[in-house]
Amino acid sequence: MSEAIGQGGGLLPDRHPTSDFFVCDFVGASPKDDLGSMEHPIFSLSTRPDRRVLSYVHNETEVVVTPSVRGRATIHDKDILIYCISQLMAALNAGATVSRNLQLKAHDLLVATNRDTSGDAYARLRDAFERLAGTRITTNIETGGVETTRGFGLIESWEIQRRSRGGRMISVMVTLSEWLYRAVLSKSVLTLSRDYFRLRKPLERRIYELARKHCGHQPEWRIGIATLHKKAGSAAPLRVFRAAIRRMIAENHLPDYLLAEEPGDLLSVTARGRGCAPGAPILAADTFEAARGLVPGADVYALEAEWRAWWAETGRPALRSPDKAFLGWLSARSRG
């Protein structure tokens, strides 16, 4: 007996130590999205449970998305992944140790993704976790310079901690898929505008993703409406999709980008501040952030367009500092 105690006694190993978790606490981390899911239509654009199996092939990349009985993860569910990616990238840039196991505060996630913090919001958050975990991907998408055909969930697991039975959730444990975590480690991500979370319609979010991915640092990107329909993953008929794009063009509130219809059934995407007439003032990205501080909740891109029109009407004067001129105009306008 004593020999058995000597060999097998003592504590079992701590299989899930707290140090294995990366604790999300980078307040104000810039929103980041992974290139793979920006390029391919993994997330549903439907506001109702989408139980269709999606098969997509483009440029030798194959993606099959199989939903659970709760439906495919939606593009609004993706907010959770964007938050996790943003926290991991902020930690990496700060030289901190990260893990694909994350511990996050539900309240911080809701605030960072521009959601309300009511009881219903927490319930919707739980539903989102279930759809993310239940949606299965089979693909040969390349991440971090490695092409692997495999199946996985968007998240591997999740766990909610509450103050008491039936109480409000206070923290969430999330384990990201290896595929997504590898994308983060290889920094295969892009920064999004914070106004992305203000876009109500799923299609608006998807078009912004594609514009951010493909327009990038070039001044303009053109794509056929039929190809865009496929890349967006829209289930609507092409004519309905085309009408929706035309409404987006007319409303003109997509962050960072201007949309225009061109002959040949093409959509032109131009980065705001680029592709303007010669001599037109160009604003830095930081200027839009400063503008949001001056007029919280306003559409700063609509204000930019109004300022450009005013600049043109006043004789297109040369500006030594367009950024200061715009912010000064905005301050005067808000006081008036």
C-alpha atoms as a PDB file:
ATOM      1  CA  MET A   1       0.000   0.000   0.000  1.00  0.00           C
ATOM      2  CA  SER A   2       2.760   2.416   0.928  1.00  0.00           C
ATOM      3  CA  GLU A   3       4.497   1.744  -2.404  1.00  0.00           C
ATOM      4  CA  ALA A   4       1.293   2.475  -4.308  1.00  0.00           C
ATOM      5  CA  ILE A   5       0.856   5.736  -2.406  1.00  0.00           C
ATOM      6  CA  GLY A   6       4.441   6.666  -3.137  1.00  0.00           C
ATOM      7  CA  GLN A   7       4.014   6.133  -6.877  1.00  0.00           C
ATOM      8  CA  GLY A   8       0.561   7.540  -7.387  1.00  0.00           C
ATOM      9  CA  GLY A   9      -0.016   9.945  -4.482  1.00  0.00           C
ATOM     10  CA  GLY A  10      -0.003  13.714  -4.526  1.00  0.00           C
ATOM     11  CA  LEU A  11      -1.997  16.163  -6.647  1.00  0.00           C
ATOM     12  CA  LEU A  12      -3.042  15.532 -10.213  1.00  0.00           C
ATOM     13  CA  PRO A  13      -1.430  17.898 -12.739  1.00  0.00           C
ATOM     14  CA  ASP A  14      -3.224  21.182 -13.341  1.00  0.00           C
ATOM     15  CA  ARG A  15      -4.438  20.499 -16.870  1.00  0.00           C
ATOM     16  CA  HIS A  16      -5.973  23.938 -17.353  1.00  0.00           C
ATOM     17  CA  PRO A  17      -3.797  26.485 -15.556  1.00  0.00           C
ATOM     18  CA  THR A  18      -4.850  30.124 -15.670  1.00  0.00           C
ATOM     19  CA  SER A  19      -1.537  30.997 -17.312  1.00  0.00           C
ATOM     20  CA  ASP A  20      -2.701  29.131 -20.413  1.00  0.00           C
ATOM     21  CA  PHE A  21      -5.287  31.842 -20.947  1.00  0.00           C
ATOM     22  CA  PHE A  22      -4.660  35.186 -22.525  1.00  0.00           C
ATOM     23  CA  VAL A  23      -6.734  37.700 -20.543  1.00  0.00           C
ATOM     24  CA  CYS A  24      -8.236  40.355 -22.793  1.00  0.00           C
ATOM     25  CA  ASP A  25      -7.683  43.770 -21.256  1.00  0.00           C
ATOM     26  CA  PHE A  26      -6.329  45.994 -24.042  1.00  0.00           C
ATOM     27  CA  VAL A  27      -8.832  48.836 -23.838  1.00  0.00           C
ATOM     28  CA  GLY A  28      -9.363  50.655 -27.127  1.00  0.00           C
ATOM     29  CA  ALA A  29      -7.547  48.057 -29.254  1.00  0.00           C
ATOM     30  CA  SER A  30      -8.020  48.811 -32.954  1.00  0.00           C
ATOM     31  CA  PRO A  31     -10.511  46.450 -34.629  1.00  0.00           C
ATOM     32  CA  LYS A  32      -8.707  43.759 -36.641  1.00  0.00           C
ATOM     33  CA  ASP A  33     -10.075  41.185 -39.080  1.00  0.00           C
ATOM     34  CA  ASP A  34      -8.377  38.144 -40.594  1.00  0.00           C
ATOM     35  CA  LEU A  35      -7.723  38.099 -44.333  1.00  0.00           C
ATOM     36  CA  GLY A  36      -9.116  34.596 -44.912  1.00  0.00           C
ATOM     37  CA  SER A  37     -12.642  35.290 -43.717  1.00  0.00           C
ATOM     38  CA  MET A  38     -12.602  38.744 -45.324  1.00  0.00           C
ATOM     39  CA  GLU A  39     -11.905  37.189 -48.718  1.00  0.00           C
ATOM     40  CA  HIS A  40     -14.361  34.286 -48.585  1.00  0.00           C
ATOM     41  CA  PRO A  41     -18.117  34.221 -47.753  1.00  0.00           C
ATOM     42  CA  ILE A  42     -17.969  32.170 -44.577  1.00  0.00           C
ATOM     43  CA  PHE A  43     -20.572  34.098 -42.585  1.00  0.00           C
ATOM     44  CA  SER A  44     -24.276  34.258 -43.315  1.00  0.00           C
ATOM     45  CA  LEU A  45     -25.851  37.554 -44.366  1.00  0.00           C
ATOM     46  CA  SER A  46     -29.312  36.366 -43.338  1.00  0.00           C
ATOM     47  CA  THR A  47     -31.160  37.693 -40.293  1.00  0.00           C
ATOM     48  CA  ARG A  48     -32.958  34.347 -39.948  1.00  0.00           C
ATOM     49  CA  PRO A  49     -31.375  30.962 -39.163  1.00  0.00           C
ATOM     50  CA  ASP A  50     -29.432  29.946 -42.277  1.00  0.00           C
ATOM     51  CA  ARG A  51     -29.134  26.160 -42.418  1.00  0.00           C
ATOM     52  CA  ARG A  52     -27.922  25.881 -46.012  1.00  0.00           C
ATOM     53  CA  VAL A  53     -24.589  24.174 -46.689  1.00  0.00           C
ATOM     54  CA  LEU A  54     -22.484  26.703 -48.587  1.00  0.00           C
ATOM     55  CA  SER A  55     -20.013  25.468 -51.216  1.00  0.00           C
ATOM     56  CA  TYR A  56     -17.692  28.101 -52.675  1.00  0.00           C
ATOM     57  CA  VAL A  57     -14.776  27.825 -55.107  1.00  0.00           C
ATOM     58  CA  HIS A  58     -12.670  30.773 -56.228  1.00  0.00           C
ATOM     59  CA  ASN A  59      -9.108  30.856 -57.572  1.00  0.00           C
ATOM     60  CA  GLU A  60      -8.443  27.240 -56.501  1.00  0.00           C
ATOM     61  CA  THR A  61      -9.626  27.923 -52.963  1.00  0.00           C
ATOM     62  CA  GLU A  62     -12.459  25.664 -51.844  1.00  0.00           C
ATOM     63  CA  VAL A  63     -14.692  26.441 -48.894  1.00  0.00           C
ATOM     64  CA  VAL A  64     -17.565  24.340 -47.582  1.00  0.00           C
ATOM     65  CA  VAL A  65     -19.485  25.831 -44.645  1.00  0.00           C
ATOM     66  CA  THR A  66     -21.809  23.472 -42.772  1.00  0.00           C
ATOM     67  CA  PRO A  67     -24.128  25.033 -40.184  1.00  0.00           C
ATOM     68  CA  SER A  68     -25.492  23.443 -37.028  1.00  0.00           C
ATOM     69  CA  VAL A  69     -29.210  23.127 -36.368  1.00  0.00           C
ATOM     70  CA  ARG A  70     -29.016  26.681 -34.959  1.00  0.00           C
ATOM     71  CA  GLY A  71     -27.887  27.980 -38.332  1.00  0.00           C
ATOM     72  CA  ARG A  72     -24.668  29.304 -39.811  1.00  0.00           C
ATOM     73  CA  ALA A  73     -22.718  31.924 -37.889  1.00  0.00           C
ATOM     74  CA  THR A  74     -23.740  35.379 -39.069  1.00  0.00           C
ATOM     75  CA  ILE A  75     -21.586  38.337 -39.980  1.00  0.00           C
ATOM     76  CA  HIS A  76     -22.792  39.998 -36.753  1.00  0.00           C
ATOM     77  CA  ASP A  77     -21.584  36.940 -34.804  1.00  0.00           C
ATOM     78  CA  LYS A  78     -18.194  37.649 -36.343  1.00  0.00           C
ATOM     79  CA  ASP A  79     -17.901  40.668 -34.027  1.00  0.00           C
ATOM     80  CA  ILE A  80     -16.735  38.222 -31.356  1.00  0.00           C
ATOM     81  CA  LEU A  81     -13.876  36.999 -33.533  1.00  0.00           C
ATOM     82  CA  ILE A  82     -12.922  40.547 -34.523  1.00  0.00           C
ATOM     83  CA  TYR A  83     -12.747  41.472 -30.837  1.00  0.00           C
ATOM     84  CA  CYS A  84     -10.583  38.439 -30.041  1.00  0.00           C
ATOM     85  CA  ILE A  85      -8.258  39.107 -32.986  1.00  0.00           C
ATOM     86  CA  SER A  86      -7.978  42.772 -31.993  1.00  0.00           C
ATOM     87  CA  GLN A  87      -7.004  41.869 -28.436  1.00  0.00           C
ATOM     88  CA  LEU A  88      -4.438  39.298 -29.573  1.00  0.00           C
ATOM     89  CA  MET A  89      -2.841  41.703 -32.064  1.00  0.00           C
ATOM     90  CA  ALA A  90      -2.633  44.473 -29.459  1.00  0.00           C
ATOM     91  CA  ALA A  91      -0.925  42.027 -27.097  1.00  0.00           C
ATOM     92  CA  LEU A  92       1.508  40.818 -29.771  1.00  0.00           C
ATOM     93  CA  ASN A  93       2.406  44.400 -30.667  1.00  0.00           C
ATOM     94  CA  ALA A  94       3.029  45.086 -26.965  1.00  0.00           C
ATOM     95  CA  GLY A  95       5.320  42.057 -26.691  1.00  0.00           C
ATOM     96  CA  ALA A  96       2.952  40.130 -24.414  1.00  0.00           C
ATOM     97  CA  THR A  97       2.478  36.362 -24.372  1.00  0.00           C
ATOM     98  CA  VAL A  98      -0.694  35.201 -26.100  1.00  0.00           C
ATOM     99  CA  SER A  99      -2.668  31.991 -26.417  1.00  0.00           C
ATOM    100  CA  ARG A 100      -5.582  30.777 -28.505  1.00  0.00           C
ATOM    101  CA  ASN A 101      -7.394  30.383 -25.175  1.00  0.00           C
ATOM    102  CA  LEU A 102      -8.844  33.779 -24.291  1.00  0.00           C
ATOM    103  CA  GLN A 103     -10.578  35.078 -21.206  1.00  0.00           C
ATOM    104  CA  LEU A 104     -12.680  38.144 -21.889  1.00  0.00           C
ATOM    105  CA  LYS A 105     -15.255  40.279 -20.130  1.00  0.00           C
ATOM    106  CA  ALA A 106     -18.631  40.080 -21.808  1.00  0.00           C
ATOM    107  CA  HIS A 107     -19.360  43.741 -21.025  1.00  0.00           C
ATOM    108  CA  ASP A 108     -16.114  44.898 -22.663  1.00  0.00           C
ATOM    109  CA  LEU A 109     -16.888  42.864 -25.789  1.00  0.00           C
ATOM    110  CA  LEU A 110     -20.372  44.375 -26.068  1.00  0.00           C
ATOM    111  CA  VAL A 111     -19.063  47.925 -25.619  1.00  0.00           C
ATOM    112  CA  ALA A 112     -16.170  47.476 -28.056  1.00  0.00           C
ATOM    113  CA  THR A 113     -18.486  46.145 -30.766  1.00  0.00           C
ATOM    114  CA  ASN A 114     -21.057  48.926 -30.283  1.00  0.00           C
ATOM    115  CA  ARG A 115     -23.773  46.685 -28.820  1.00  0.00           C
ATOM    116  CA  ASP A 116     -26.154  47.510 -26.001  1.00  0.00           C
ATOM    117  CA  THR A 117     -25.531  45.935 -22.603  1.00  0.00           C
ATOM    118  CA  SER A 118     -29.077  44.909 -21.746  1.00  0.00           C
ATOM    119  CA  GLY A 119     -30.002  41.446 -20.550  1.00  0.00           C
ATOM    120  CA  ASP A 120     -31.170  40.558 -24.061  1.00  0.00           C
ATOM    121  CA  ALA A 121     -27.741  41.503 -25.428  1.00  0.00           C
ATOM    122  CA  TYR A 122     -26.081  38.942 -23.188  1.00  0.00           C
ATOM    123  CA  ALA A 123     -28.568  36.291 -24.316  1.00  0.00           C
ATOM    124  CA  ARG A 124     -27.844  37.131 -27.971  1.00  0.00           C
ATOM    125  CA  LEU A 125     -24.137  36.874 -27.195  1.00  0.00           C
ATOM    126  CA  ARG A 126     -24.603  33.323 -25.965  1.00  0.00           C
ATOM    127  CA  ASP A 127     -26.525  32.438 -29.140  1.00  0.00           C
ATOM    128  CA  ALA A 128     -23.661  33.860 -31.187  1.00  0.00           C
ATOM    129  CA  PHE A 129     -21.127  31.679 -29.373  1.00  0.00           C
ATOM    130  CA  GLU A 130     -23.234  28.613 -30.088  1.00  0.00           C
ATOM    131  CA  ARG A 131     -23.484  29.426 -33.805  1.00  0.00           C
ATOM    132  CA  LEU A 132     -19.743  30.104 -34.023  1.00  0.00           C
ATOM    133  CA  ALA A 133     -18.902  26.803 -32.338  1.00  0.00           C
ATOM    134  CA  GLY A 134     -21.483  24.881 -34.379  1.00  0.00           C
ATOM    135  CA  THR A 135     -20.486  26.210 -37.801  1.00  0.00           C
ATOM    136  CA  ARG A 136     -17.986  23.853 -39.419  1.00  0.00           C
ATOM    137  CA  ILE A 137     -15.537  24.880 -42.147  1.00  0.00           C
ATOM    138  CA  THR A 138     -13.809  22.555 -44.605  1.00  0.00           C
ATOM    139  CA  THR A 139     -11.265  24.449 -46.660  1.00  0.00           C
ATOM    140  CA  ASN A 140      -7.803  24.656 -48.125  1.00  0.00           C
ATOM    141  CA  ILE A 141      -7.443  28.374 -47.313  1.00  0.00           C
ATOM    142  CA  GLU A 142      -3.819  29.366 -46.795  1.00  0.00           C
ATOM    143  CA  THR A 143      -2.933  31.050 -43.508  1.00  0.00           C
ATOM    144  CA  GLY A 144       0.560  31.901 -42.341  1.00  0.00           C
ATOM    145  CA  GLY A 145       2.088  30.548 -45.570  1.00  0.00           C
ATOM    146  CA  VAL A 146       0.650  27.056 -45.010  1.00  0.00           C
ATOM    147  CA  GLU A 147      -2.106  25.457 -47.102  1.00  0.00           C
ATOM    148  CA  THR A 148      -4.022  22.790 -45.228  1.00  0.00           C
ATOM    149  CA  THR A 149      -7.281  21.080 -46.127  1.00  0.00           C
ATOM    150  CA  ARG A 150      -9.092  20.432 -42.904  1.00  0.00           C
ATOM    151  CA  GLY A 151     -12.369  20.791 -41.067  1.00  0.00           C
ATOM    152  CA  PHE A 152     -12.821  22.917 -37.962  1.00  0.00           C
ATOM    153  CA  GLY A 153     -15.216  25.151 -36.090  1.00  0.00           C
ATOM    154  CA  LEU A 154     -14.831  28.898 -36.095  1.00  0.00           C
ATOM    155  CA  ILE A 155     -14.187  28.578 -32.377  1.00  0.00           C
ATOM    156  CA  GLU A 156     -13.200  25.337 -30.704  1.00  0.00           C
ATOM    157  CA  SER A 157     -14.993  25.882 -27.410  1.00  0.00           C
ATOM    158  CA  TRP A 158     -16.504  28.494 -25.127  1.00  0.00           C
ATOM    159  CA  GLU A 159     -17.534  28.784 -21.503  1.00  0.00           C
ATOM    160  CA  ILE A 160     -19.568  31.414 -19.672  1.00  0.00           C
ATOM    161  CA  GLN A 161     -19.113  32.384 -16.026  1.00  0.00           C
ATOM    162  CA  ARG A 162     -22.034  33.987 -14.195  1.00  0.00           C
ATOM    163  CA  ARG A 163     -22.335  35.600 -10.774  1.00  0.00           C
ATOM    164  CA  SER A 164     -25.097  33.193  -9.816  1.00  0.00           C
ATOM    165  CA  ARG A 165     -27.611  30.838 -11.421  1.00  0.00           C
ATOM    166  CA  GLY A 166     -29.489  32.811 -14.030  1.00  0.00           C
ATOM    167  CA  GLY A 167     -27.402  35.925 -13.371  1.00  0.00           C
ATOM    168  CA  ARG A 168     -25.629  38.090 -15.933  1.00  0.00           C
ATOM    169  CA  MET A 169     -22.503  36.643 -17.470  1.00  0.00           C
ATOM    170  CA  ILE A 170     -19.314  38.289 -16.225  1.00  0.00           C
ATOM    171  CA  SER A 171     -16.612  36.554 -18.221  1.00  0.00           C
ATOM    172  CA  VAL A 172     -16.240  34.201 -21.145  1.00  0.00           C
ATOM    173  CA  MET A 173     -13.544  31.693 -21.993  1.00  0.00           C
ATOM    174  CA  VAL A 174     -13.023  31.178 -25.736  1.00  0.00           C
ATOM    175  CA  THR A 175     -10.692  28.813 -27.559  1.00  0.00           C
ATOM    176  CA  LEU A 176     -10.082  29.926 -31.140  1.00  0.00           C
ATOM    177  CA  SER A 177      -9.517  27.454 -33.954  1.00  0.00           C
ATOM    178  CA  GLU A 178      -5.897  26.730 -34.855  1.00  0.00           C
ATOM    179  CA  TRP A 179      -6.621  28.117 -38.329  1.00  0.00           C
ATOM    180  CA  LEU A 180      -7.703  31.500 -37.013  1.00  0.00           C
ATOM    181  CA  TYR A 181      -4.986  31.621 -34.354  1.00  0.00           C
ATOM    182  CA  ARG A 182      -2.311  30.916 -36.980  1.00  0.00           C
ATOM    183  CA  ALA A 183      -3.642  33.837 -39.035  1.00  0.00           C
ATOM    184  CA  VAL A 184      -3.170  36.106 -36.021  1.00  0.00           C
ATOM    185  CA  LEU A 185       0.365  34.893 -35.285  1.00  0.00           C
ATOM    186  CA  SER A 186       1.358  35.453 -38.922  1.00  0.00           C
ATOM    187  CA  LYS A 187      -0.321  38.900 -38.736  1.00  0.00           C
ATOM    188  CA  SER A 188      -2.568  38.066 -41.695  1.00  0.00           C
ATOM    189  CA  VAL A 189      -5.009  40.722 -40.508  1.00  0.00           C
ATOM    190  CA  LEU A 190      -6.207  44.189 -41.477  1.00  0.00           C
ATOM    191  CA  THR A 191      -7.386  47.106 -39.351  1.00  0.00           C
ATOM    192  CA  LEU A 192     -11.056  48.026 -39.675  1.00  0.00           C
ATOM    193  CA  SER A 193     -12.758  51.355 -39.121  1.00  0.00           C
ATOM    194  CA  ARG A 194     -14.502  51.541 -35.743  1.00  0.00           C
ATOM    195  CA  ASP A 195     -17.573  52.619 -37.708  1.00  0.00           C
ATOM    196  CA  TYR A 196     -17.763  49.073 -39.079  1.00  0.00           C
ATOM    197  CA  PHE A 197     -19.714  48.162 -35.934  1.00  0.00           C
ATOM    198  CA  ARG A 198     -22.215  50.918 -36.713  1.00  0.00           C
ATOM    199  CA  LEU A 199     -23.244  49.325 -40.005  1.00  0.00           C
ATOM    200  CA  ARG A 200     -26.697  47.830 -39.508  1.00  0.00           C
ATOM    201  CA  LYS A 201     -27.155  45.757 -42.645  1.00  0.00           C
ATOM    202  CA  PRO A 202     -25.208  42.492 -43.066  1.00  0.00           C
ATOM    203  CA  LEU A 203     -24.530  43.246 -46.742  1.00  0.00           C
ATOM    204  CA  GLU A 204     -23.005  46.623 -45.848  1.00  0.00           C
ATOM    205  CA  ARG A 205     -20.573  44.900 -43.495  1.00  0.00           C
ATOM    206  CA  ARG A 206     -19.674  42.309 -46.117  1.00  0.00           C
ATOM    207  CA  ILE A 207     -19.092  44.900 -48.851  1.00  0.00           C
ATOM    208  CA  TYR A 208     -16.928  46.923 -46.463  1.00  0.00           C
ATOM    209  CA  GLU A 209     -14.847  43.809 -45.717  1.00  0.00           C
ATOM    210  CA  LEU A 210     -14.295  43.144 -49.404  1.00  0.00           C
ATOM    211  CA  ALA A 211     -13.474  46.795 -50.094  1.00  0.00           C
ATOM    212  CA  ARG A 212     -10.964  46.841 -47.220  1.00  0.00           C
ATOM    213  CA  LYS A 213      -9.378  43.602 -48.401  1.00  0.00           C
ATOM    214  CA  HIS A 214      -9.127  44.433 -52.109  1.00  0.00           C
ATOM    215  CA  CYS A 215      -8.827  48.208 -52.237  1.00  0.00           C
ATOM    216  CA  GLY A 216      -6.138  48.261 -49.559  1.00  0.00           C
ATOM    217  CA  HIS A 217      -3.491  50.830 -50.350  1.00  0.00           C
ATOM    218  CA  GLN A 218      -4.434  51.185 -54.023  1.00  0.00           C
ATOM    219  CA  PRO A 219      -6.644  54.157 -54.898  1.00  0.00           C
ATOM    220  CA  GLU A 220      -9.386  52.167 -56.654  1.00  0.00           C
ATOM    221  CA  TRP A 221     -10.796  48.655 -57.075  1.00  0.00           C
ATOM    222  CA  ARG A 222     -13.268  47.525 -59.746  1.00  0.00           C
ATOM    223  CA  ILE A 223     -15.313  44.358 -59.717  1.00  0.00           C
ATOM    224  CA  GLY A 224     -18.191  42.985 -61.765  1.00  0.00           C
ATOM    225  CA  ILE A 225     -21.514  42.939 -59.928  1.00  0.00           C
ATOM    226  CA  ALA A 226     -21.965  39.216 -60.696  1.00  0.00           C
ATOM    227  CA  THR A 227     -18.535  38.395 -59.233  1.00  0.00           C
ATOM    228  CA  LEU A 228     -19.221  40.604 -56.224  1.00  0.00           C
ATOM    229  CA  HIS A 229     -22.518  38.776 -55.705  1.00  0.00           C
ATOM    230  CA  LYS A 230     -20.604  35.491 -55.510  1.00  0.00           C
ATOM    231  CA  LYS A 231     -17.806  36.811 -53.275  1.00  0.00           C
ATOM    232  CA  ALA A 232     -20.294  38.452 -50.920  1.00  0.00           C
ATOM    233  CA  GLY A 233     -22.083  35.142 -50.407  1.00  0.00           C
ATOM    234  CA  SER A 234     -25.475  36.733 -50.985  1.00  0.00           C
ATOM    235  CA  ALA A 235     -28.437  34.360 -51.336  1.00  0.00           C
ATOM    236  CA  ALA A 236     -30.560  37.074 -52.974  1.00  0.00           C
ATOM    237  CA  PRO A 237     -31.203  36.982 -56.737  1.00  0.00           C
ATOM    238  CA  LEU A 238     -28.671  39.018 -58.706  1.00  0.00           C
ATOM    239  CA  ARG A 239     -31.224  41.726 -59.573  1.00  0.00           C
ATOM    240  CA  VAL A 240     -32.108  42.166 -55.889  1.00  0.00           C
ATOM    241  CA  PHE A 241     -28.422  42.253 -54.962  1.00  0.00           C
ATOM    242  CA  ARG A 242     -27.765  44.876 -57.648  1.00  0.00           C
ATOM    243  CA  ALA A 243     -30.612  47.036 -56.272  1.00  0.00           C
ATOM    244  CA  ALA A 244     -29.148  46.753 -52.764  1.00  0.00           C
ATOM    245  CA  ILE A 245     -25.743  47.900 -54.030  1.00  0.00           C
ATOM    246  CA  ARG A 246     -27.392  50.878 -55.718  1.00  0.00           C
ATOM    247  CA  ARG A 247     -29.033  51.836 -52.412  1.00  0.00           C
ATOM    248  CA  MET A 248     -25.641  51.649 -50.718  1.00  0.00           C
ATOM    249  CA  ILE A 249     -24.199  53.952 -53.373  1.00  0.00           C
ATOM    250  CA  ALA A 250     -27.015  56.463 -52.838  1.00  0.00           C
ATOM    251  CA  GLU A 251     -26.785  56.383 -49.029  1.00  0.00           C
ATOM    252  CA  ASN A 252     -22.983  56.820 -49.141  1.00  0.00           C
ATOM    253  CA  HIS A 253     -22.178  55.964 -45.544  1.00  0.00           C
ATOM    254  CA  LEU A 254     -19.724  53.097 -45.988  1.00  0.00           C
ATOM    255  CA  PRO A 255     -16.662  53.829 -43.823  1.00  0.00           C
ATOM    256  CA  ASP A 256     -13.403  54.614 -45.652  1.00  0.00           C
ATOM    257  CA  TYR A 257     -14.733  53.952 -49.169  1.00  0.00           C
ATOM    258  CA  LEU A 258     -16.875  55.497 -51.881  1.00  0.00           C
ATOM    259  CA  LEU A 259     -18.922  53.256 -54.163  1.00  0.00           C
ATOM    260  CA  ALA A 260     -19.916  54.059 -57.744  1.00  0.00           C
ATOM    261  CA  GLU A 261     -21.659  52.115 -60.494  1.00  0.00           C
ATOM    262  CA  GLU A 262     -19.850  52.042 -63.837  1.00  0.00           C
ATOM    263  CA  PRO A 263     -20.819  50.902 -67.348  1.00  0.00           C
ATOM    264  CA  GLY A 264     -20.503  47.187 -67.957  1.00  0.00           C
ATOM    265  CA  ASP A 265     -22.268  46.242 -64.691  1.00  0.00           C
ATOM    266  CA  LEU A 266     -19.193  47.155 -62.636  1.00  0.00           C
ATOM    267  CA  LEU A 267     -18.765  48.536 -59.144  1.00  0.00           C
ATOM    268  CA  SER A 268     -15.951  50.997 -58.505  1.00  0.00           C
ATOM    269  CA  VAL A 269     -14.595  51.243 -54.957  1.00  0.00           C
ATOM    270  CA  THR A 270     -12.453  54.280 -54.154  1.00  0.00           C
ATOM    271  CA  ALA A 271     -10.699  54.986 -50.883  1.00  0.00           C
ATOM    272  CA  ARG A 272     -12.045  58.230 -49.430  1.00  0.00           C
ATOM    273  CA  GLY A 273      -9.532  61.019 -49.897  1.00  0.00           C
ATOM    274  CA  ARG A 274      -8.009  59.335 -52.953  1.00  0.00           C
ATOM    275  CA  GLY A 275      -8.962  59.405 -56.568  1.00  0.00           C
ATOM    276  CA  CYS A 276     -10.156  63.016 -56.182  1.00  0.00           C
ATOM    277  CA  ALA A 277      -9.763  65.839 -58.638  1.00  0.00           C
ATOM    278  CA  PRO A 278      -6.245  67.300 -58.887  1.00  0.00           C
ATOM    279  CA  GLY A 279      -5.549  69.612 -55.976  1.00  0.00           C
ATOM    280  CA  ALA A 280      -8.379  68.252 -53.842  1.00  0.00           C
ATOM    281  CA  PRO A 281      -7.456  68.104 -50.148  1.00  0.00           C
ATOM    282  CA  ILE A 282      -6.615  64.657 -48.786  1.00  0.00           C
ATOM    283  CA  LEU A 283      -7.268  63.859 -45.134  1.00  0.00           C
ATOM    284  CA  ALA A 284      -5.286  61.495 -42.926  1.00  0.00           C
ATOM    285  CA  ALA A 285      -7.012  58.569 -41.205  1.00  0.00           C
ATOM    286  CA  ASP A 286      -6.263  60.093 -37.779  1.00  0.00           C
ATOM    287  CA  THR A 287      -8.230  63.178 -38.781  1.00  0.00           C
ATOM    288  CA  PHE A 288     -11.437  61.139 -38.981  1.00  0.00           C
ATOM    289  CA  GLU A 289     -10.828  59.872 -35.447  1.00  0.00           C
ATOM    290  CA  ALA A 290     -10.352  63.463 -34.261  1.00  0.00           C
ATOM    291  CA  ALA A 291     -13.543  64.449 -36.091  1.00  0.00           C
ATOM    292  CA  ARG A 292     -15.498  61.763 -34.247  1.00  0.00           C
ATOM    293  CA  GLY A 293     -14.346  63.333 -30.992  1.00  0.00           C
ATOM    294  CA  LEU A 294     -15.674  66.725 -32.085  1.00  0.00           C
ATOM    295  CA  VAL A 295     -19.065  65.445 -33.259  1.00  0.00           C
ATOM    296  CA  PRO A 296     -19.773  62.129 -31.495  1.00  0.00           C
ATOM    297  CA  GLY A 297     -22.232  59.917 -33.359  1.00  0.00           C
ATOM    298  CA  ALA A 298     -22.109  61.937 -36.589  1.00  0.00           C
ATOM    299  CA  ASP A 299     -21.312  60.463 -40.008  1.00  0.00           C
ATOM    300  CA  VAL A 300     -17.844  61.945 -40.456  1.00  0.00           C
ATOM    301  CA  TYR A 301     -17.647  60.815 -44.079  1.00  0.00           C
ATOM    302  CA  ALA A 302     -20.817  62.691 -44.974  1.00  0.00           C
ATOM    303  CA  LEU A 303     -19.316  65.733 -43.226  1.00  0.00           C
ATOM    304  CA  GLU A 304     -16.118  65.251 -45.222  1.00  0.00           C
ATOM    305  CA  ALA A 305     -18.140  65.308 -48.457  1.00  0.00           C
ATOM    306  CA  GLU A 306     -19.958  68.457 -47.288  1.00  0.00           C
ATOM    307  CA  TRP A 307     -16.621  70.130 -46.462  1.00  0.00           C
ATOM    308  CA  ARG A 308     -15.160  69.226 -49.862  1.00  0.00           C
ATOM    309  CA  ALA A 309     -18.218  70.733 -51.557  1.00  0.00           C
ATOM    310  CA  TRP A 310     -17.802  73.915 -49.481  1.00  0.00           C
ATOM    311  CA  TRP A 311     -14.084  73.992 -50.348  1.00  0.00           C
ATOM    312  CA  ALA A 312     -14.895  73.756 -54.068  1.00  0.00           C
ATOM    313  CA  GLU A 313     -17.608  76.431 -53.847  1.00  0.00           C
ATOM    314  CA  THR A 314     -15.200  78.856 -52.151  1.00  0.00           C
ATOM    315  CA  GLY A 315     -12.760  78.753 -55.068  1.00  0.00           C
ATOM    316  CA  ARG A 316     -10.730  75.632 -54.222  1.00  0.00           C
ATOM    317  CA  PRO A 317      -8.143  77.532 -52.148  1.00  0.00           C
ATOM    318  CA  ALA A 318      -4.721  75.986 -51.514  1.00  0.00           C
ATOM    319  CA  LEU A 319      -4.538  74.527 -48.022  1.00  0.00           C
ATOM    320  CA  ARG A 320      -1.268  74.243 -46.104  1.00  0.00           C
ATOM    321  CA  SER A 321      -2.869  71.765 -43.723  1.00  0.00           C
ATOM    322  CA  PRO A 322      -6.089  70.170 -45.032  1.00  0.00           C
ATOM    323  CA  ASP A 323      -6.504  68.216 -41.788  1.00  0.00           C
ATOM    324  CA  LYS A 324      -6.458  71.346 -39.607  1.00  0.00           C
ATOM    325  CA  ALA A 325      -8.702  73.144 -42.091  1.00  0.00           C
ATOM    326  CA  PHE A 326     -11.295  70.369 -41.982  1.00  0.00           C
ATOM    327  CA  LEU A 327     -11.268  70.124 -38.187  1.00  0.00           C
ATOM    328  CA  GLY A 328     -11.506  73.914 -37.898  1.00  0.00           C
ATOM    329  CA  TRP A 329     -14.469  73.956 -40.289  1.00  0.00           C
ATOM    330  CA  LEU A 330     -16.076  71.164 -38.315  1.00  0.00           C
ATOM    331  CA  SER A 331     -15.613  72.978 -35.010  1.00  0.00           C
ATOM    332  CA  ALA A 332     -17.135  76.169 -36.424  1.00  0.00           C
ATOM    333  CA  ARG A 333     -20.015  74.200 -37.932  1.00  0.00           C
ATOM    334  CA  SER A 334     -20.793  72.412 -34.650  1.00  0.00           C
ATOM    335  CA  ARG A 335     -20.777  75.720 -32.723  1.00  0.00           C
ATOM    336  CA  GLY A 336     -23.061  77.324 -35.283  1.00  0.00           C
END
